[in-house]
Amino acid sequence: MNTFKLITPIAILASVFGAGFWFAYGGLPEQVRPPVPPISRIQAMSDLATLRVQIADTIVGENEHWEVRWMLHGEAVLGVDLSKATYTSVDEKSRKATLFLPASHVISSKVDHHRSAEIGVKQKSWLPSPGLKSLRDEVWQHADDKVARLANHDGYLEATKLQAERVLNKLFRDVGWTVLYEWQTRAGAGAEQAQPEG
């Protein structure tokens, strides 16, 4: 079964980031507070990693002589590339901003070779047959791709987005701003809107 967990150190980083704004501006009159957190500060967070996924699945290899099955384990980290974040609107009067963000994505993925294991070998003929080692090597060349593909699941990508919004909500809330989100679609054809979390 595939599982995931939120990456909590990012929330700590965001709290420190937001606290810096608050100590600098929080005690100042309304008219001299910063108009909005500078986009350069948000972009500087770069790939914001918010989700770690544990992958468990099977992988099968087959040639004319052999069929081999493995239990595949791996791990992936997902996040949002904030270096591509931009403001699409900023309302100074209501202190509301709309932030456009790129689609969430898999930052890194890898096979856990210590936990992965061969669970079945089937020979298709009674005669001595070559090709077992080359089959194993060929299958494991595709194992990393399978871990990345499984991590690139809609549910994981959505959880990554929600956690990124929580981090950014904290930054804006600490300086008295409300933020709305527009997310780039995975195909890059448009954007979907999301309301801020309370």
C-alpha atoms as a PDB file:
ATOM      1  CA  MET A   1       0.000   0.000   0.000  1.00  0.00           C
ATOM      2  CA  ASN A   2       1.296   3.438  -0.914  1.00  0.00           C
ATOM      3  CA  THR A   3       1.433   5.976   1.913  1.00  0.00           C
ATOM      4  CA  PHE A   4       2.404   9.595   2.277  1.00  0.00           C
ATOM      5  CA  LYS A   5       3.262  12.088   4.997  1.00  0.00           C
ATOM      6  CA  LEU A   6       3.572  15.842   5.109  1.00  0.00           C
ATOM      7  CA  ILE A   7       7.049  17.291   5.388  1.00  0.00           C
ATOM      8  CA  THR A   8       6.815  19.290   8.618  1.00  0.00           C
ATOM      9  CA  PRO A   9      10.227  21.063   8.515  1.00  0.00           C
ATOM     10  CA  ILE A  10       8.833  23.221   5.711  1.00  0.00           C
ATOM     11  CA  ALA A  11       6.117  24.505   8.023  1.00  0.00           C
ATOM     12  CA  ILE A  12       8.799  25.444  10.539  1.00  0.00           C
ATOM     13  CA  LEU A  13      10.713  27.303   7.827  1.00  0.00           C
ATOM     14  CA  ALA A  14       7.561  29.128   6.835  1.00  0.00           C
ATOM     15  CA  SER A  15       6.858  30.134  10.421  1.00  0.00           C
ATOM     16  CA  VAL A  16      10.312  31.637  10.742  1.00  0.00           C
ATOM     17  CA  PHE A  17       9.881  33.393   7.395  1.00  0.00           C
ATOM     18  CA  GLY A  18       6.522  34.819   8.446  1.00  0.00           C
ATOM     19  CA  ALA A  19       7.803  35.805  11.885  1.00  0.00           C
ATOM     20  CA  GLY A  20      10.510  37.885  10.240  1.00  0.00           C
ATOM     21  CA  PHE A  21       7.865  39.917   8.458  1.00  0.00           C
ATOM     22  CA  TRP A  22       5.839  40.268  11.628  1.00  0.00           C
ATOM     23  CA  PHE A  23       8.721  41.511  13.781  1.00  0.00           C
ATOM     24  CA  ALA A  24       9.722  43.954  11.062  1.00  0.00           C
ATOM     25  CA  TYR A  25       6.262  45.327  10.328  1.00  0.00           C
ATOM     26  CA  GLY A  26       3.706  43.931  12.754  1.00  0.00           C
ATOM     27  CA  GLY A  27       3.921  46.769  15.266  1.00  0.00           C
ATOM     28  CA  LEU A  28       3.802  49.552  12.687  1.00  0.00           C
ATOM     29  CA  PRO A  29       0.702  51.575  11.799  1.00  0.00           C
ATOM     30  CA  GLU A  30      -1.482  50.182   9.031  1.00  0.00           C
ATOM     31  CA  GLN A  31      -0.354  52.760   6.466  1.00  0.00           C
ATOM     32  CA  VAL A  32       3.326  51.839   6.716  1.00  0.00           C
ATOM     33  CA  ARG A  33       2.977  48.075   6.749  1.00  0.00           C
ATOM     34  CA  PRO A  34       4.341  46.262   3.677  1.00  0.00           C
ATOM     35  CA  PRO A  35       1.870  46.300   0.794  1.00  0.00           C
ATOM     36  CA  VAL A  36       2.295  42.556   0.200  1.00  0.00           C
ATOM     37  CA  PRO A  37       5.048  40.004   0.855  1.00  0.00           C
ATOM     38  CA  PRO A  38       7.578  40.620  -1.948  1.00  0.00           C
ATOM     39  CA  ILE A  39       7.296  38.061  -4.717  1.00  0.00           C
ATOM     40  CA  SER A  40      11.088  37.746  -4.668  1.00  0.00           C
ATOM     41  CA  ARG A  41      10.923  36.372  -1.113  1.00  0.00           C
ATOM     42  CA  ILE A  42       8.370  33.773  -2.140  1.00  0.00           C
ATOM     43  CA  GLN A  43      10.342  32.831  -5.266  1.00  0.00           C
ATOM     44  CA  ALA A  44      13.486  32.455  -3.157  1.00  0.00           C
ATOM     45  CA  MET A  45      11.895  29.424  -1.454  1.00  0.00           C
ATOM     46  CA  SER A  46      12.320  27.669  -4.829  1.00  0.00           C
ATOM     47  CA  ASP A  47      11.115  24.036  -4.818  1.00  0.00           C
ATOM     48  CA  LEU A  48       8.928  23.904  -1.724  1.00  0.00           C
ATOM     49  CA  ALA A  49       8.849  20.221  -0.736  1.00  0.00           C
ATOM     50  CA  THR A  50       5.677  19.421   1.212  1.00  0.00           C
ATOM     51  CA  LEU A  51       4.972  15.707   0.711  1.00  0.00           C
ATOM     52  CA  ARG A  52       6.973  12.478   1.011  1.00  0.00           C
ATOM     53  CA  VAL A  53       5.430   9.368  -0.554  1.00  0.00           C
ATOM     54  CA  GLN A  54       6.261   5.742   0.239  1.00  0.00           C
ATOM     55  CA  ILE A  55       5.615   3.538  -2.789  1.00  0.00           C
ATOM     56  CA  ALA A  56       4.895  -0.193  -2.691  1.00  0.00           C
ATOM     57  CA  ASP A  57       3.933  -2.154  -5.807  1.00  0.00           C
ATOM     58  CA  THR A  58       4.970  -5.111  -7.940  1.00  0.00           C
ATOM     59  CA  ILE A  59       7.051  -5.017 -11.084  1.00  0.00           C
ATOM     60  CA  VAL A  60       7.211  -7.853 -13.622  1.00  0.00           C
ATOM     61  CA  GLY A  61       9.722  -8.721 -16.300  1.00  0.00           C
ATOM     62  CA  GLU A  62       9.307 -11.299 -19.045  1.00  0.00           C
ATOM     63  CA  ASN A  63      11.182 -12.659 -22.055  1.00  0.00           C
ATOM     64  CA  GLU A  64      10.803 -15.825 -24.129  1.00  0.00           C
ATOM     65  CA  HIS A  65      12.405 -17.988 -21.426  1.00  0.00           C
ATOM     66  CA  TRP A  66      11.617 -16.349 -18.066  1.00  0.00           C
ATOM     67  CA  GLU A  67       9.013 -14.437 -16.117  1.00  0.00           C
ATOM     68  CA  VAL A  68      10.182 -12.714 -12.937  1.00  0.00           C
ATOM     69  CA  ARG A  69       8.212 -10.718 -10.369  1.00  0.00           C
ATOM     70  CA  TRP A  70       9.526  -8.318  -7.722  1.00  0.00           C
ATOM     71  CA  MET A  71       8.050  -6.464  -4.780  1.00  0.00           C
ATOM     72  CA  LEU A  72       9.041  -2.876  -5.478  1.00  0.00           C
ATOM     73  CA  HIS A  73       9.522  -0.274  -2.749  1.00  0.00           C
ATOM     74  CA  GLY A  74      10.492   3.337  -3.279  1.00  0.00           C
ATOM     75  CA  GLU A  75      10.181   6.887  -2.080  1.00  0.00           C
ATOM     76  CA  ALA A  76       9.341  10.199  -3.725  1.00  0.00           C
ATOM     77  CA  VAL A  77       9.244  13.829  -2.634  1.00  0.00           C
ATOM     78  CA  LEU A  78       6.674  16.193  -4.146  1.00  0.00           C
ATOM     79  CA  GLY A  79       6.488  19.960  -4.056  1.00  0.00           C
ATOM     80  CA  VAL A  80       5.798  23.241  -5.824  1.00  0.00           C
ATOM     81  CA  ASP A  81       8.347  25.333  -7.694  1.00  0.00           C
ATOM     82  CA  LEU A  82       7.815  28.735  -6.073  1.00  0.00           C
ATOM     83  CA  SER A  83      10.503  30.306  -8.252  1.00  0.00           C
ATOM     84  CA  LYS A  84       7.733  30.503 -10.894  1.00  0.00           C
ATOM     85  CA  ALA A  85       5.173  32.137  -8.581  1.00  0.00           C
ATOM     86  CA  THR A  86       3.668  35.466  -9.670  1.00  0.00           C
ATOM     87  CA  TYR A  87       0.976  37.829  -8.439  1.00  0.00           C
ATOM     88  CA  THR A  88      -2.014  38.127 -10.758  1.00  0.00           C
ATOM     89  CA  SER A  89      -3.729  40.737  -8.587  1.00  0.00           C
ATOM     90  CA  VAL A  90      -3.009  42.780  -5.460  1.00  0.00           C
ATOM     91  CA  ASP A  91      -5.733  44.754  -3.678  1.00  0.00           C
ATOM     92  CA  GLU A  92      -4.082  47.172  -1.247  1.00  0.00           C
ATOM     93  CA  LYS A  93      -7.380  48.386   0.182  1.00  0.00           C
ATOM     94  CA  SER A  94      -8.735  44.970   1.161  1.00  0.00           C
ATOM     95  CA  ARG A  95      -5.235  43.540   1.682  1.00  0.00           C
ATOM     96  CA  LYS A  96      -5.970  40.585  -0.576  1.00  0.00           C
ATOM     97  CA  ALA A  97      -3.642  39.137  -3.190  1.00  0.00           C
ATOM     98  CA  THR A  98      -3.997  36.407  -5.791  1.00  0.00           C
ATOM     99  CA  LEU A  99      -0.965  34.205  -6.332  1.00  0.00           C
ATOM    100  CA  PHE A 100      -0.437  32.167  -9.485  1.00  0.00           C
ATOM    101  CA  LEU A 101       1.477  28.934  -8.865  1.00  0.00           C
ATOM    102  CA  PRO A 102       2.809  26.225 -11.178  1.00  0.00           C
ATOM    103  CA  ALA A 103       1.376  22.724 -10.931  1.00  0.00           C
ATOM    104  CA  SER A 104       2.723  20.546  -8.144  1.00  0.00           C
ATOM    105  CA  HIS A 105       5.241  17.934  -9.282  1.00  0.00           C
ATOM    106  CA  VAL A 106       7.566  15.122  -8.241  1.00  0.00           C
ATOM    107  CA  ILE A 107      10.855  16.690  -7.140  1.00  0.00           C
ATOM    108  CA  SER A 108      12.763  13.444  -6.667  1.00  0.00           C
ATOM    109  CA  SER A 109      12.144   9.712  -6.573  1.00  0.00           C
ATOM    110  CA  LYS A 110      14.198   6.589  -5.980  1.00  0.00           C
ATOM    111  CA  VAL A 111      13.950   2.829  -5.567  1.00  0.00           C
ATOM    112  CA  ASP A 112      14.561   1.414  -2.103  1.00  0.00           C
ATOM    113  CA  HIS A 113      16.804  -1.509  -3.063  1.00  0.00           C
ATOM    114  CA  HIS A 114      17.104  -2.752   0.525  1.00  0.00           C
ATOM    115  CA  ARG A 115      13.355  -3.317   0.866  1.00  0.00           C
ATOM    116  CA  SER A 116      12.631  -4.393  -2.711  1.00  0.00           C
ATOM    117  CA  ALA A 117      12.842  -8.150  -3.273  1.00  0.00           C
ATOM    118  CA  GLU A 118      12.339 -10.812  -5.901  1.00  0.00           C
ATOM    119  CA  ILE A 119       9.193 -12.767  -5.082  1.00  0.00           C
ATOM    120  CA  GLY A 120       8.839 -15.176  -7.981  1.00  0.00           C
ATOM    121  CA  VAL A 121      10.738 -16.712 -10.908  1.00  0.00           C
ATOM    122  CA  LYS A 122       8.987 -18.786 -13.566  1.00  0.00           C
ATOM    123  CA  GLN A 123      10.883 -20.678 -16.267  1.00  0.00           C
ATOM    124  CA  LYS A 124       8.867 -21.157 -19.437  1.00  0.00           C
ATOM    125  CA  SER A 125      10.685 -24.261 -20.686  1.00  0.00           C
ATOM    126  CA  TRP A 126      12.300 -27.335 -19.175  1.00  0.00           C
ATOM    127  CA  LEU A 127      15.495 -26.846 -21.110  1.00  0.00           C
ATOM    128  CA  PRO A 128      18.368 -24.781 -19.696  1.00  0.00           C
ATOM    129  CA  SER A 129      17.575 -21.208 -20.687  1.00  0.00           C
ATOM    130  CA  PRO A 130      19.744 -18.104 -20.848  1.00  0.00           C
ATOM    131  CA  GLY A 131      18.685 -14.518 -20.306  1.00  0.00           C
ATOM    132  CA  LEU A 132      17.660 -14.413 -16.634  1.00  0.00           C
ATOM    133  CA  LYS A 133      20.346 -11.949 -15.574  1.00  0.00           C
ATOM    134  CA  SER A 134      19.770  -9.669 -18.558  1.00  0.00           C
ATOM    135  CA  LEU A 135      16.030  -9.723 -17.835  1.00  0.00           C
ATOM    136  CA  ARG A 136      16.619  -8.691 -14.233  1.00  0.00           C
ATOM    137  CA  ASP A 137      18.933  -5.891 -15.321  1.00  0.00           C
ATOM    138  CA  GLU A 138      16.433  -4.653 -17.892  1.00  0.00           C
ATOM    139  CA  VAL A 139      13.544  -4.566 -15.430  1.00  0.00           C
ATOM    140  CA  TRP A 140      15.492  -2.635 -12.820  1.00  0.00           C
ATOM    141  CA  GLN A 141      16.379  -0.032 -15.415  1.00  0.00           C
ATOM    142  CA  HIS A 142      12.651   0.786 -15.458  1.00  0.00           C
ATOM    143  CA  ALA A 143      12.047   0.568 -11.702  1.00  0.00           C
ATOM    144  CA  ASP A 144      12.915   4.223 -11.014  1.00  0.00           C
ATOM    145  CA  ASP A 145      10.520   5.315 -13.744  1.00  0.00           C
ATOM    146  CA  LYS A 146       7.731   3.266 -12.195  1.00  0.00           C
ATOM    147  CA  VAL A 147       8.268   4.799  -8.741  1.00  0.00           C
ATOM    148  CA  ALA A 148       8.147   8.289 -10.270  1.00  0.00           C
ATOM    149  CA  ARG A 149       5.022   7.418 -12.267  1.00  0.00           C
ATOM    150  CA  LEU A 150       3.191   6.053  -9.222  1.00  0.00           C
ATOM    151  CA  ALA A 151       4.149   9.121  -7.188  1.00  0.00           C
ATOM    152  CA  ASN A 152       2.747  11.350  -9.935  1.00  0.00           C
ATOM    153  CA  HIS A 153      -0.771  10.436  -8.816  1.00  0.00           C
ATOM    154  CA  ASP A 154      -3.584  12.999  -8.724  1.00  0.00           C
ATOM    155  CA  GLY A 155      -4.204  12.387  -5.021  1.00  0.00           C
ATOM    156  CA  TYR A 156      -0.573  13.012  -4.079  1.00  0.00           C
ATOM    157  CA  LEU A 157      -0.370  16.082  -6.309  1.00  0.00           C
ATOM    158  CA  GLU A 158      -3.500  17.521  -4.707  1.00  0.00           C
ATOM    159  CA  ALA A 159      -2.187  16.884  -1.186  1.00  0.00           C
ATOM    160  CA  THR A 160       1.043  18.635  -2.188  1.00  0.00           C
ATOM    161  CA  LYS A 161      -0.926  21.699  -3.335  1.00  0.00           C
ATOM    162  CA  LEU A 162      -2.995  21.859  -0.164  1.00  0.00           C
ATOM    163  CA  GLN A 163       0.059  21.694   2.061  1.00  0.00           C
ATOM    164  CA  ALA A 164       1.811  24.390   0.007  1.00  0.00           C
ATOM    165  CA  GLU A 165      -1.239  26.614   0.470  1.00  0.00           C
ATOM    166  CA  ARG A 166      -1.099  26.073   4.241  1.00  0.00           C
ATOM    167  CA  VAL A 167       2.530  27.164   4.293  1.00  0.00           C
ATOM    168  CA  LEU A 168       1.859  30.271   2.220  1.00  0.00           C
ATOM    169  CA  ASN A 169      -1.317  31.138   4.142  1.00  0.00           C
ATOM    170  CA  LYS A 170       0.821  31.387   7.265  1.00  0.00           C
ATOM    171  CA  LEU A 171       3.234  33.810   5.597  1.00  0.00           C
ATOM    172  CA  PHE A 172       0.478  36.121   4.411  1.00  0.00           C
ATOM    173  CA  ARG A 173      -1.651  35.894   7.548  1.00  0.00           C
ATOM    174  CA  ASP A 174       1.276  36.948   9.741  1.00  0.00           C
ATOM    175  CA  VAL A 175       1.459  40.304   7.929  1.00  0.00           C
ATOM    176  CA  GLY A 176      -2.267  40.871   7.755  1.00  0.00           C
ATOM    177  CA  TRP A 177      -2.919  39.750   4.190  1.00  0.00           C
ATOM    178  CA  THR A 178      -5.321  37.219   2.678  1.00  0.00           C
ATOM    179  CA  VAL A 179      -4.144  35.209  -0.290  1.00  0.00           C
ATOM    180  CA  LEU A 180      -6.119  33.462  -3.037  1.00  0.00           C
ATOM    181  CA  TYR A 181      -4.576  30.901  -5.379  1.00  0.00           C
ATOM    182  CA  GLU A 182      -4.638  30.197  -9.071  1.00  0.00           C
ATOM    183  CA  TRP A 183      -2.960  26.921  -9.981  1.00  0.00           C
ATOM    184  CA  GLN A 184      -1.568  26.052 -13.366  1.00  0.00           C
ATOM    185  CA  THR A 185      -3.160  22.913 -14.735  1.00  0.00           C
ATOM    186  CA  ARG A 186      -0.914  19.922 -15.300  1.00  0.00           C
ATOM    187  CA  ALA A 187      -1.296  20.337 -19.049  1.00  0.00           C
ATOM    188  CA  GLY A 188      -0.403  24.025 -18.714  1.00  0.00           C
ATOM    189  CA  ALA A 189      -3.569  25.013 -20.556  1.00  0.00           C
ATOM    190  CA  GLY A 190      -5.114  27.122 -17.827  1.00  0.00           C
ATOM    191  CA  ALA A 191      -5.551  27.661 -14.133  1.00  0.00           C
ATOM    192  CA  GLU A 192      -7.850  26.497 -11.371  1.00  0.00           C
ATOM    193  CA  GLN A 193      -8.790  28.753  -8.512  1.00  0.00           C
ATOM    194  CA  ALA A 194      -8.616  27.862  -4.860  1.00  0.00           C
ATOM    195  CA  GLN A 195      -9.901  29.728  -1.833  1.00  0.00           C
ATOM    196  CA  PRO A 196      -7.577  30.509   1.066  1.00  0.00           C
ATOM    197  CA  GLU A 197      -7.603  28.253   4.064  1.00  0.00           C
ATOM    198  CA  GLY A 198      -8.844  29.879   7.253  1.00  0.00           C
END
